[in-house]
């Protein structure tokens, strides 16, 4: 099984609005497994189907729980969110230094609701509704943005966004020069 390629800015496919998943199928189960494989290989903690060129309202996450094991990593905690919705965002805000597999090696502080009530279906098509906070709430909001064609950089001021994109372009150019020199 090949690892799915992750779309990167400025790819216009990242700006598409994703369609709902209508039912759990073998194709969706395979997509979920492939998305986890791509996310772990990247490595990342969340990945939306839109980032692998599948415009469906589906995302995977693994925030890794617990203390590090012998490999230096915690216990995996894979989670699947199908057709996620935010029902009740808090007025209280929190700021996290966010990054994104579609905007590689770039980070910026993004302010979002600190607590959200969310509803979604899991990989068994069971519906959940839960109050979420901390990194889980932030990550879910970040990945849900992808389902609506929004990137974390869209939450930044124009000046900060432009600076970050220039840094990304320079890093890509430097990487290209190194590859040609090798």
Foldseek 3Di string as FASTA:
>chain_A
DDQQDFAAPPPQLLQDAAAADPDQDPVVVVLLVSQCVNCVVLPHFKDAVSRSVHLYQKMKGWPADDAQDPVRGHHTDIWIFGPKDWDDFDPDKDWDFDDDSRLPPFTDIAIDRQKTWMWGATNVRDIDTDIDGDPVVVRVVQRSCSNNSDHRLVRDDPVVSVVSVVVSVVVVVVVVVVVVVD
